[in-house]
Amino acid sequence: MASGPCPRVRLPPPLPALVGAVALIGLLGCVPADRRASWRVYPLPRVRPHDGVAVVTRPGGEGIHIWLDPDTTQVGYCRPRWNPDAARLRGGNGDNPTSSGRAPREEFFAALRRGRVRATLRREMEALCRDEAPRRDFEWVEPPRSPEEFVPPPVPLTEERDLLSDPMENRRREKQLLGIPLTPEDFREPPPPPPPGP
């Protein structure tokens, strides 16, 4: 039984063009490792275990050092108190990372949009609460991912007892404690400062 030549298989015209375009995009989009962020995420203690997380957000190992702070103001619970003012991380891809100064808040919010960053923060925050407040239940509060979502913690009102004491009264007490007799000058209030000029 005679057989003819095998039929030639031809790709439709758009397919080779598509493969070439994908290859070209791949070559143009190839950025050396030292010129892109590694997005490495790992615990980096600040003062005690579990109170910090490093995120490499920039080329060259730079990034942010997020500080974790447990909030125990609600009875029976320990949860995160978010602070968008992270420190600037340096050497984040090496063995001796350091942090100092302050990174822009935009970088903090951009990092928190990544699921891996939030998962690491949750794990470290839970461990921190377990160490700091073992009798309280851990309650996870999602971190803010934009400036609009960040709500600063309320600042307690200043009471009269928190104000500075009278310097003349302090001086009289010091003299009494040292056994120095008080003089009329110790009871004379200094004149008020002049009003500011125009």
N, C-alpha and C. Protein backbone atom coordinates (compact mmCIF):
# COMPACT_ATOMS: atom_id res chain seq x y z
N MET A 1 0.85 -1.16 0.00
CA MET A 1 0.00 0.00 0.00
C MET A 1 0.89 1.22 0.00
N ALA A 2 0.78 1.99 -1.00
CA ALA A 2 1.65 3.17 -1.14
C ALA A 2 1.12 4.30 -0.30
N SER A 3 2.07 4.96 0.30
CA SER A 3 1.64 6.12 1.11
C SER A 3 2.33 7.35 0.57
N GLY A 4 1.63 8.44 0.57
CA GLY A 4 2.15 9.69 0.07
C GLY A 4 2.98 10.40 1.13
N PRO A 5 3.54 11.51 0.77
CA PRO A 5 4.33 12.27 1.76
C PRO A 5 3.44 12.76 2.90
N CYS A 6 4.07 12.84 4.10
CA CYS A 6 3.32 13.31 5.28
C CYS A 6 2.87 14.74 5.07
N PRO A 7 1.67 15.03 5.48
CA PRO A 7 1.20 16.40 5.32
C PRO A 7 1.97 17.33 6.26
N ARG A 8 2.29 18.50 5.79
CA ARG A 8 3.03 19.47 6.58
C ARG A 8 2.06 20.19 7.51
N VAL A 9 2.42 20.23 8.80
CA VAL A 9 1.56 20.90 9.79
C VAL A 9 1.97 22.35 9.85
N ARG A 10 1.02 23.21 9.65
CA ARG A 10 1.31 24.65 9.70
C ARG A 10 0.57 25.28 10.87
N LEU A 11 1.28 26.15 11.58
CA LEU A 11 0.65 26.89 12.66
C LEU A 11 -0.13 28.05 12.07
N PRO A 12 -1.24 28.34 12.66
CA PRO A 12 -1.97 29.51 12.17
C PRO A 12 -1.11 30.75 12.34
N PRO A 13 -1.21 31.72 11.44
CA PRO A 13 -0.33 32.89 11.48
C PRO A 13 -0.28 33.64 12.81
N PRO A 14 -1.36 33.79 13.56
CA PRO A 14 -1.25 34.57 14.80
C PRO A 14 -0.39 33.91 15.87
N LEU A 15 -0.30 32.57 15.90
CA LEU A 15 0.41 31.88 16.97
C LEU A 15 1.91 32.19 16.99
N PRO A 16 2.64 32.14 15.86
CA PRO A 16 4.07 32.50 15.92
C PRO A 16 4.28 33.94 16.37
N ALA A 17 3.39 34.82 15.95
CA ALA A 17 3.53 36.22 16.36
C ALA A 17 3.33 36.36 17.86
N LEU A 18 2.37 35.59 18.40
CA LEU A 18 2.10 35.64 19.83
C LEU A 18 3.29 35.11 20.63
N VAL A 19 3.88 34.00 20.18
CA VAL A 19 5.05 33.44 20.87
C VAL A 19 6.20 34.43 20.84
N GLY A 20 6.42 35.07 19.71
CA GLY A 20 7.49 36.07 19.61
C GLY A 20 7.25 37.25 20.52
N ALA A 21 6.01 37.70 20.63
CA ALA A 21 5.69 38.84 21.50
C ALA A 21 5.93 38.50 22.96
N VAL A 22 5.53 37.28 23.35
CA VAL A 22 5.74 36.85 24.75
C VAL A 22 7.23 36.77 25.05
N ALA A 23 8.02 36.23 24.11
CA ALA A 23 9.47 36.14 24.32
C ALA A 23 10.09 37.53 24.43
N LEU A 24 9.64 38.46 23.61
CA LEU A 24 10.18 39.82 23.65
C LEU A 24 9.84 40.51 24.97
N ILE A 25 8.62 40.33 25.43
CA ILE A 25 8.22 40.92 26.72
C ILE A 25 9.05 40.31 27.85
N GLY A 26 9.29 38.99 27.76
CA GLY A 26 10.10 38.33 28.79
C GLY A 26 11.51 38.87 28.84
N LEU A 27 12.11 39.10 27.66
CA LEU A 27 13.48 39.64 27.62
C LEU A 27 13.53 41.07 28.13
N LEU A 28 12.55 41.88 27.73
CA LEU A 28 12.55 43.27 28.18
C LEU A 28 12.21 43.40 29.66
N GLY A 29 11.40 42.47 30.17
CA GLY A 29 10.98 42.55 31.57
C GLY A 29 11.95 41.90 32.53
N CYS A 30 13.03 41.33 32.05
CA CYS A 30 14.01 40.67 32.91
C CYS A 30 14.86 41.73 33.60
N VAL A 31 14.69 41.85 34.91
CA VAL A 31 15.43 42.83 35.69
C VAL A 31 16.39 42.08 36.60
N PRO A 32 17.67 42.46 36.63
CA PRO A 32 18.62 41.79 37.52
C PRO A 32 18.14 41.82 38.97
N ALA A 33 18.51 40.79 39.73
CA ALA A 33 18.05 40.65 41.11
C ALA A 33 18.43 41.83 41.99
N ASP A 34 19.61 42.43 41.73
CA ASP A 34 20.03 43.54 42.58
C ASP A 34 19.29 44.84 42.26
N ARG A 35 18.46 44.82 41.21
CA ARG A 35 17.70 46.02 40.86
C ARG A 35 16.21 45.89 41.12
N ARG A 36 15.82 44.85 41.82
CA ARG A 36 14.40 44.69 42.15
C ARG A 36 14.26 44.26 43.61
N ALA A 37 13.09 44.51 44.15
CA ALA A 37 12.83 44.13 45.55
C ALA A 37 12.64 42.63 45.64
N SER A 38 13.21 42.02 46.68
CA SER A 38 13.07 40.57 46.85
C SER A 38 11.76 40.23 47.56
N TRP A 39 11.15 41.19 48.22
CA TRP A 39 9.93 40.99 49.02
C TRP A 39 10.12 39.87 50.04
N ARG A 40 11.31 39.83 50.59
CA ARG A 40 11.58 38.90 51.68
C ARG A 40 10.86 39.40 52.93
N VAL A 41 10.20 38.51 53.65
CA VAL A 41 9.44 38.86 54.86
C VAL A 41 9.89 37.92 55.97
N TYR A 42 10.30 38.49 57.12
CA TYR A 42 10.76 37.65 58.22
C TYR A 42 10.70 38.42 59.54
N PRO A 43 10.63 37.68 60.67
CA PRO A 43 10.64 38.34 61.98
C PRO A 43 11.98 39.03 62.23
N LEU A 44 11.92 40.25 62.73
CA LEU A 44 13.13 40.99 63.10
C LEU A 44 12.83 41.71 64.42
N PRO A 45 13.21 41.09 65.56
CA PRO A 45 12.88 41.68 66.87
C PRO A 45 13.46 43.09 67.01
N ARG A 46 12.71 43.90 67.72
CA ARG A 46 13.12 45.28 67.99
C ARG A 46 13.71 45.34 69.39
N VAL A 47 12.91 44.99 70.42
CA VAL A 47 13.37 45.00 71.81
C VAL A 47 13.21 43.61 72.41
N ARG A 48 12.13 42.93 72.06
CA ARG A 48 11.85 41.60 72.61
C ARG A 48 11.40 40.69 71.46
N PRO A 49 11.38 39.38 71.67
CA PRO A 49 10.99 38.47 70.58
C PRO A 49 9.58 38.79 70.05
N HIS A 50 9.42 38.66 68.76
CA HIS A 50 8.13 38.79 68.05
C HIS A 50 7.61 40.22 67.94
N ASP A 51 8.40 41.24 68.29
CA ASP A 51 7.84 42.60 68.26
C ASP A 51 8.22 43.39 67.01
N GLY A 52 8.70 42.68 65.96
CA GLY A 52 9.03 43.38 64.72
C GLY A 52 9.06 42.43 63.54
N VAL A 53 8.72 42.99 62.36
CA VAL A 53 8.75 42.21 61.11
C VAL A 53 9.44 43.05 60.04
N ALA A 54 10.39 42.44 59.35
CA ALA A 54 11.11 43.10 58.26
C ALA A 54 10.48 42.72 56.92
N VAL A 55 10.33 43.72 56.05
CA VAL A 55 9.82 43.49 54.70
C VAL A 55 10.73 44.21 53.72
N VAL A 56 11.37 43.47 52.81
CA VAL A 56 12.27 44.07 51.82
C VAL A 56 11.42 44.57 50.65
N THR A 57 11.21 45.87 50.57
CA THR A 57 10.32 46.47 49.58
C THR A 57 11.05 47.19 48.46
N ARG A 58 12.38 47.32 48.57
CA ARG A 58 13.16 48.07 47.58
C ARG A 58 14.37 47.27 47.13
N PRO A 59 14.95 47.66 46.02
CA PRO A 59 16.18 46.99 45.58
C PRO A 59 17.31 47.20 46.59
N GLY A 60 18.27 46.28 46.57
CA GLY A 60 19.44 46.42 47.43
C GLY A 60 19.19 46.07 48.87
N GLY A 61 18.10 45.39 49.19
CA GLY A 61 17.82 44.97 50.56
C GLY A 61 17.19 46.01 51.44
N GLU A 62 16.76 47.15 50.86
CA GLU A 62 16.08 48.16 51.67
C GLU A 62 14.60 47.82 51.80
N GLY A 63 14.00 48.31 52.84
CA GLY A 63 12.58 48.04 53.05
C GLY A 63 12.08 48.73 54.29
N ILE A 64 11.15 48.06 54.97
CA ILE A 64 10.57 48.63 56.18
C ILE A 64 10.68 47.64 57.33
N HIS A 65 10.79 48.19 58.52
CA HIS A 65 10.80 47.40 59.76
C HIS A 65 9.54 47.79 60.53
N ILE A 66 8.56 46.91 60.49
CA ILE A 66 7.26 47.17 61.14
C ILE A 66 7.37 46.79 62.60
N TRP A 67 7.02 47.73 63.47
CA TRP A 67 7.06 47.49 64.91
C TRP A 67 5.69 47.04 65.37
N LEU A 68 5.65 45.96 66.15
CA LEU A 68 4.39 45.42 66.65
C LEU A 68 4.20 45.84 68.10
N ASP A 69 2.99 46.28 68.38
CA ASP A 69 2.66 46.79 69.71
C ASP A 69 1.35 46.16 70.15
N PRO A 70 1.34 45.38 71.26
CA PRO A 70 0.10 44.77 71.70
C PRO A 70 -0.80 45.79 72.40
N ASP A 71 -2.08 45.72 72.10
CA ASP A 71 -3.08 46.59 72.71
C ASP A 71 -3.88 45.75 73.71
N THR A 72 -3.75 46.08 75.00
CA THR A 72 -4.47 45.33 76.05
C THR A 72 -5.47 46.23 76.77
N THR A 73 -5.94 47.28 76.09
CA THR A 73 -6.88 48.20 76.74
C THR A 73 -8.26 47.58 76.89
N GLN A 74 -8.61 46.62 76.04
CA GLN A 74 -9.91 45.96 76.16
C GLN A 74 -9.76 44.76 77.08
N VAL A 75 -10.60 44.69 78.10
CA VAL A 75 -10.48 43.65 79.13
C VAL A 75 -10.57 42.26 78.50
N GLY A 76 -9.61 41.41 78.83
CA GLY A 76 -9.62 40.02 78.38
C GLY A 76 -9.05 39.77 77.01
N TYR A 77 -8.64 40.82 76.29
CA TYR A 77 -8.15 40.64 74.93
C TYR A 77 -6.78 41.28 74.73
N CYS A 78 -6.03 40.69 73.83
CA CYS A 78 -4.77 41.27 73.35
C CYS A 78 -4.86 41.31 71.84
N ARG A 79 -4.66 42.48 71.27
CA ARG A 79 -4.76 42.62 69.81
C ARG A 79 -3.73 43.62 69.33
N PRO A 80 -3.51 43.69 68.02
CA PRO A 80 -2.49 44.62 67.52
C PRO A 80 -2.94 46.07 67.55
N ARG A 81 -1.99 46.95 67.86
CA ARG A 81 -2.19 48.40 67.72
C ARG A 81 -1.29 48.83 66.57
N TRP A 82 -1.88 49.21 65.45
CA TRP A 82 -1.11 49.46 64.23
C TRP A 82 -0.50 50.85 64.21
N ASN A 83 0.76 50.89 63.81
CA ASN A 83 1.49 52.15 63.68
C ASN A 83 2.08 52.20 62.26
N PRO A 84 1.57 53.08 61.39
CA PRO A 84 2.06 53.11 60.01
C PRO A 84 3.43 53.76 59.83
N ASP A 85 4.02 54.24 60.91
CA ASP A 85 5.35 54.88 60.83
C ASP A 85 6.43 53.83 61.08
N ALA A 86 6.67 53.01 60.06
CA ALA A 86 7.69 51.95 60.16
C ALA A 86 9.08 52.55 60.01
N ALA A 87 10.07 51.83 60.51
CA ALA A 87 11.47 52.27 60.38
C ALA A 87 12.01 51.84 59.02
N ARG A 88 13.05 52.54 58.55
CA ARG A 88 13.71 52.19 57.29
C ARG A 88 14.64 51.01 57.53
N LEU A 89 14.43 49.93 56.79
CA LEU A 89 15.25 48.73 56.88
C LEU A 89 16.40 48.82 55.89
N ARG A 90 17.60 48.40 56.32
CA ARG A 90 18.76 48.33 55.44
C ARG A 90 19.43 46.98 55.63
N GLY A 91 19.99 46.45 54.52
CA GLY A 91 20.63 45.13 54.59
C GLY A 91 19.65 44.01 54.81
N GLY A 92 18.43 44.18 54.34
CA GLY A 92 17.38 43.20 54.60
C GLY A 92 17.57 41.85 53.93
N ASN A 93 18.40 41.77 52.90
CA ASN A 93 18.65 40.48 52.24
C ASN A 93 19.87 39.77 52.83
N GLY A 94 20.58 40.42 53.74
CA GLY A 94 21.78 39.83 54.31
C GLY A 94 21.55 39.22 55.68
N ASP A 95 22.67 38.95 56.37
CA ASP A 95 22.62 38.30 57.68
C ASP A 95 22.56 39.30 58.83
N ASN A 96 22.79 40.59 58.56
CA ASN A 96 22.84 41.58 59.63
C ASN A 96 21.99 42.80 59.28
N PRO A 97 20.65 42.63 59.21
CA PRO A 97 19.80 43.77 58.86
C PRO A 97 19.74 44.79 60.00
N THR A 98 19.61 46.06 59.65
CA THR A 98 19.48 47.13 60.63
C THR A 98 18.33 48.03 60.22
N SER A 99 17.85 48.81 61.18
CA SER A 99 16.79 49.77 60.85
C SER A 99 17.01 51.06 61.62
N SER A 100 16.63 52.16 60.98
CA SER A 100 16.73 53.47 61.62
C SER A 100 15.89 54.45 60.81
N GLY A 101 15.61 55.58 61.40
CA GLY A 101 14.82 56.58 60.70
C GLY A 101 13.40 56.12 60.47
N ARG A 102 12.75 56.75 59.50
CA ARG A 102 11.35 56.43 59.24
C ARG A 102 11.11 56.29 57.75
N ALA A 103 10.36 55.26 57.39
CA ALA A 103 10.00 55.03 55.99
C ALA A 103 8.67 55.74 55.69
N PRO A 104 8.42 56.08 54.43
CA PRO A 104 7.15 56.72 54.08
C PRO A 104 5.97 55.79 54.38
N ARG A 105 4.88 56.39 54.80
CA ARG A 105 3.69 55.60 55.11
C ARG A 105 3.16 54.86 53.89
N GLU A 106 3.33 55.43 52.69
CA GLU A 106 2.85 54.77 51.48
C GLU A 106 3.49 53.39 51.33
N GLU A 107 4.75 53.28 51.73
CA GLU A 107 5.46 52.01 51.64
C GLU A 107 4.87 50.99 52.62
N PHE A 108 4.49 51.46 53.80
CA PHE A 108 3.85 50.60 54.80
C PHE A 108 2.54 50.05 54.26
N PHE A 109 1.69 50.94 53.72
CA PHE A 109 0.38 50.51 53.23
C PHE A 109 0.54 49.57 52.03
N ALA A 110 1.50 49.84 51.15
CA ALA A 110 1.73 48.97 50.00
C ALA A 110 2.16 47.57 50.44
N ALA A 111 3.00 47.49 51.47
CA ALA A 111 3.45 46.19 51.97
C ALA A 111 2.29 45.41 52.58
N LEU A 112 1.39 46.11 53.26
CA LEU A 112 0.29 45.41 53.93
C LEU A 112 -0.79 44.95 52.96
N ARG A 113 -0.67 45.30 51.70
CA ARG A 113 -1.61 44.77 50.71
C ARG A 113 -1.22 43.36 50.29
N ARG A 114 -0.05 42.90 50.71
CA ARG A 114 0.43 41.56 50.36
C ARG A 114 0.04 40.55 51.44
N GLY A 115 -0.55 39.45 50.98
CA GLY A 115 -1.03 38.44 51.92
C GLY A 115 0.06 37.82 52.77
N ARG A 116 1.26 37.62 52.18
CA ARG A 116 2.36 37.01 52.94
C ARG A 116 2.80 37.91 54.09
N VAL A 117 2.77 39.22 53.87
CA VAL A 117 3.15 40.16 54.93
C VAL A 117 2.14 40.09 56.05
N ARG A 118 0.85 40.11 55.71
CA ARG A 118 -0.20 40.07 56.75
C ARG A 118 -0.16 38.75 57.52
N ALA A 119 0.12 37.64 56.83
CA ALA A 119 0.19 36.34 57.51
C ALA A 119 1.34 36.31 58.51
N THR A 120 2.50 36.88 58.14
CA THR A 120 3.65 36.92 59.06
C THR A 120 3.34 37.83 60.24
N LEU A 121 2.71 38.97 59.97
CA LEU A 121 2.35 39.89 61.06
C LEU A 121 1.40 39.21 62.04
N ARG A 122 0.43 38.48 61.53
CA ARG A 122 -0.53 37.81 62.41
C ARG A 122 0.17 36.77 63.27
N ARG A 123 1.05 35.97 62.67
CA ARG A 123 1.76 34.93 63.42
C ARG A 123 2.62 35.55 64.53
N GLU A 124 3.37 36.62 64.19
CA GLU A 124 4.24 37.25 65.18
C GLU A 124 3.43 37.97 66.26
N MET A 125 2.33 38.60 65.86
CA MET A 125 1.50 39.31 66.84
C MET A 125 0.87 38.34 67.83
N GLU A 126 0.43 37.20 67.34
CA GLU A 126 -0.15 36.19 68.22
C GLU A 126 0.88 35.68 69.22
N ALA A 127 2.11 35.45 68.74
CA ALA A 127 3.19 34.99 69.63
C ALA A 127 3.54 36.07 70.65
N LEU A 128 3.54 37.34 70.23
CA LEU A 128 3.84 38.44 71.15
C LEU A 128 2.78 38.54 72.23
N CYS A 129 1.51 38.42 71.85
CA CYS A 129 0.43 38.46 72.84
C CYS A 129 0.51 37.28 73.80
N ARG A 130 0.89 36.11 73.26
CA ARG A 130 1.03 34.93 74.12
C ARG A 130 2.10 35.15 75.17
N ASP A 131 3.20 35.85 74.79
CA ASP A 131 4.28 36.13 75.74
C ASP A 131 3.93 37.25 76.70
N GLU A 132 3.33 38.33 76.18
CA GLU A 132 3.07 39.53 76.97
C GLU A 132 1.81 39.43 77.84
N ALA A 133 0.78 38.78 77.33
CA ALA A 133 -0.50 38.70 78.07
C ALA A 133 -1.07 37.30 77.92
N PRO A 134 -0.44 36.30 78.55
CA PRO A 134 -0.84 34.90 78.33
C PRO A 134 -2.27 34.58 78.79
N ARG A 135 -2.83 35.37 79.70
CA ARG A 135 -4.18 35.08 80.19
C ARG A 135 -5.28 35.74 79.37
N ARG A 136 -4.88 36.49 78.36
CA ARG A 136 -5.86 37.17 77.51
C ARG A 136 -6.03 36.40 76.20
N ASP A 137 -7.21 36.54 75.61
CA ASP A 137 -7.47 35.93 74.31
C ASP A 137 -6.89 36.81 73.22
N PHE A 138 -6.32 36.18 72.21
CA PHE A 138 -5.78 36.93 71.08
C PHE A 138 -6.92 37.28 70.12
N GLU A 139 -6.98 38.54 69.71
CA GLU A 139 -7.98 38.99 68.75
C GLU A 139 -7.26 39.68 67.60
N TRP A 140 -7.39 39.13 66.40
CA TRP A 140 -6.73 39.69 65.23
C TRP A 140 -7.55 40.84 64.68
N VAL A 141 -6.89 41.96 64.45
CA VAL A 141 -7.50 43.13 63.82
C VAL A 141 -6.74 43.37 62.52
N GLU A 142 -7.44 43.34 61.40
CA GLU A 142 -6.78 43.53 60.10
C GLU A 142 -6.04 44.87 60.07
N PRO A 143 -4.82 44.87 59.53
CA PRO A 143 -4.07 46.13 59.45
C PRO A 143 -4.63 47.04 58.36
N PRO A 144 -4.44 48.34 58.50
CA PRO A 144 -4.91 49.26 57.46
C PRO A 144 -4.08 49.11 56.19
N ARG A 145 -4.74 49.15 55.04
CA ARG A 145 -4.03 49.00 53.77
C ARG A 145 -4.02 50.30 52.97
N SER A 146 -4.54 51.36 53.57
CA SER A 146 -4.53 52.68 52.92
C SER A 146 -4.62 53.74 54.02
N PRO A 147 -4.23 54.97 53.72
CA PRO A 147 -4.33 56.03 54.73
C PRO A 147 -5.76 56.22 55.22
N GLU A 148 -6.74 55.97 54.36
CA GLU A 148 -8.14 56.16 54.76
C GLU A 148 -8.58 55.13 55.79
N GLU A 149 -7.97 53.94 55.77
CA GLU A 149 -8.34 52.88 56.71
C GLU A 149 -7.67 53.04 58.07
N PHE A 150 -6.62 53.85 58.14
CA PHE A 150 -5.90 53.99 59.41
C PHE A 150 -6.63 54.94 60.35
N VAL A 151 -6.94 54.45 61.53
CA VAL A 151 -7.58 55.26 62.57
C VAL A 151 -6.59 55.37 63.73
N PRO A 152 -6.05 56.57 64.00
CA PRO A 152 -5.09 56.70 65.11
C PRO A 152 -5.75 56.38 66.44
N PRO A 153 -5.01 55.78 67.36
CA PRO A 153 -5.59 55.48 68.68
C PRO A 153 -5.93 56.77 69.41
N PRO A 154 -7.01 56.75 70.19
CA PRO A 154 -7.38 57.97 70.91
C PRO A 154 -6.33 58.34 71.96
N VAL A 155 -6.07 59.62 72.07
CA VAL A 155 -5.11 60.11 73.06
C VAL A 155 -5.89 60.44 74.33
N PRO A 156 -5.45 59.89 75.47
CA PRO A 156 -6.19 60.18 76.71
C PRO A 156 -6.14 61.67 77.05
N LEU A 157 -7.22 62.15 77.62
CA LEU A 157 -7.28 63.55 78.02
C LEU A 157 -6.32 63.80 79.18
N THR A 158 -5.72 64.96 79.20
CA THR A 158 -4.79 65.32 80.27
C THR A 158 -5.59 65.80 81.48
N GLU A 159 -5.32 65.18 82.60
CA GLU A 159 -5.97 65.59 83.84
C GLU A 159 -5.06 66.58 84.58
N GLU A 160 -5.63 67.27 85.58
CA GLU A 160 -4.86 68.27 86.32
C GLU A 160 -3.65 67.64 87.01
N ARG A 161 -3.82 66.40 87.46
CA ARG A 161 -2.70 65.74 88.16
C ARG A 161 -1.53 65.44 87.23
N ASP A 162 -1.78 65.44 85.91
CA ASP A 162 -0.72 65.17 84.95
C ASP A 162 0.08 66.42 84.59
N LEU A 163 -0.39 67.58 85.00
CA LEU A 163 0.29 68.82 84.66
C LEU A 163 1.52 69.01 85.53
N LEU A 164 2.44 69.85 85.07
CA LEU A 164 3.65 70.13 85.85
C LEU A 164 3.30 70.87 87.13
N SER A 165 4.04 70.56 88.19
CA SER A 165 3.79 71.23 89.47
C SER A 165 4.44 72.62 89.49
N ASP A 166 4.04 73.42 90.46
CA ASP A 166 4.53 74.79 90.61
C ASP A 166 6.02 74.77 90.96
N PRO A 167 6.87 75.45 90.18
CA PRO A 167 8.32 75.41 90.46
C PRO A 167 8.68 76.01 91.82
N MET A 168 7.94 77.05 92.27
CA MET A 168 8.23 77.65 93.59
C MET A 168 7.92 76.65 94.71
N GLU A 169 6.83 75.89 94.53
CA GLU A 169 6.49 74.88 95.53
C GLU A 169 7.55 73.78 95.56
N ASN A 170 8.06 73.41 94.41
CA ASN A 170 9.13 72.41 94.34
C ASN A 170 10.38 72.91 95.07
N ARG A 171 10.71 74.17 94.86
CA ARG A 171 11.90 74.74 95.51
C ARG A 171 11.73 74.74 97.04
N ARG A 172 10.54 75.10 97.52
CA ARG A 172 10.31 75.09 98.98
C ARG A 172 10.46 73.68 99.55
N ARG A 173 9.92 72.68 98.83
CA ARG A 173 10.02 71.29 99.30
C ARG A 173 11.47 70.82 99.32
N GLU A 174 12.21 71.18 98.29
CA GLU A 174 13.63 70.79 98.24
C GLU A 174 14.39 71.37 99.43
N LYS A 175 14.14 72.65 99.71
CA LYS A 175 14.85 73.28 100.83
C LYS A 175 14.46 72.63 102.16
N GLN A 176 13.19 72.28 102.31
CA GLN A 176 12.76 71.63 103.56
C GLN A 176 13.40 70.25 103.71
N LEU A 177 13.47 69.51 102.59
CA LEU A 177 14.09 68.19 102.65
C LEU A 177 15.58 68.27 102.98
N LEU A 178 16.24 69.33 102.52
CA LEU A 178 17.67 69.51 102.78
C LEU A 178 17.95 70.18 104.12
N GLY A 179 16.88 70.58 104.81
CA GLY A 179 17.06 71.25 106.11
C GLY A 179 17.48 72.70 105.98
N ILE A 180 17.25 73.34 104.86
CA ILE A 180 17.59 74.75 104.65
C ILE A 180 16.39 75.59 105.03
N PRO A 181 16.59 76.61 105.87
CA PRO A 181 15.44 77.42 106.29
C PRO A 181 14.85 78.21 105.11
N LEU A 182 13.53 78.35 105.14
CA LEU A 182 12.83 79.11 104.10
C LEU A 182 12.96 80.60 104.36
N THR A 183 13.01 81.38 103.32
CA THR A 183 13.10 82.84 103.41
C THR A 183 11.87 83.45 102.75
N PRO A 184 11.62 84.75 102.97
CA PRO A 184 10.48 85.39 102.31
C PRO A 184 10.54 85.29 100.78
N GLU A 185 11.78 85.22 100.25
CA GLU A 185 11.93 85.10 98.79
C GLU A 185 11.31 83.81 98.26
N ASP A 186 11.28 82.76 99.10
CA ASP A 186 10.73 81.48 98.66
C ASP A 186 9.22 81.53 98.47
N PHE A 187 8.57 82.57 99.00
CA PHE A 187 7.12 82.68 98.89
C PHE A 187 6.69 83.77 97.92
N ARG A 188 7.66 84.48 97.37
CA ARG A 188 7.35 85.57 96.44
C ARG A 188 7.25 85.01 95.02
N GLU A 189 6.09 85.13 94.43
CA GLU A 189 5.89 84.64 93.07
C GLU A 189 6.60 85.54 92.08
N PRO A 190 7.29 84.98 91.07
CA PRO A 190 7.95 85.82 90.08
C PRO A 190 6.91 86.55 89.23
N PRO A 191 7.27 87.74 88.73
CA PRO A 191 6.30 88.47 87.89
C PRO A 191 6.01 87.69 86.61
N PRO A 192 4.79 87.81 86.09
CA PRO A 192 4.47 87.11 84.84
C PRO A 192 5.29 87.65 83.69
N PRO A 193 5.58 86.84 82.69
CA PRO A 193 6.37 87.30 81.55
C PRO A 193 5.61 88.34 80.77
N PRO A 194 6.31 89.27 80.12
CA PRO A 194 5.62 90.31 79.34
C PRO A 194 4.89 89.68 78.16
N PRO A 195 3.80 90.30 77.73
CA PRO A 195 3.07 89.75 76.59
C PRO A 195 3.93 89.83 75.32
N PRO A 196 3.72 88.91 74.41
CA PRO A 196 4.54 88.96 73.18
C PRO A 196 4.29 90.23 72.38
N GLY A 197 5.34 90.72 71.76
CA GLY A 197 5.25 91.95 70.97
C GLY A 197 4.51 91.73 69.67
N PRO A 198 4.18 92.84 68.97
CA PRO A 198 3.44 92.72 67.72
C PRO A 198 4.31 92.14 66.63
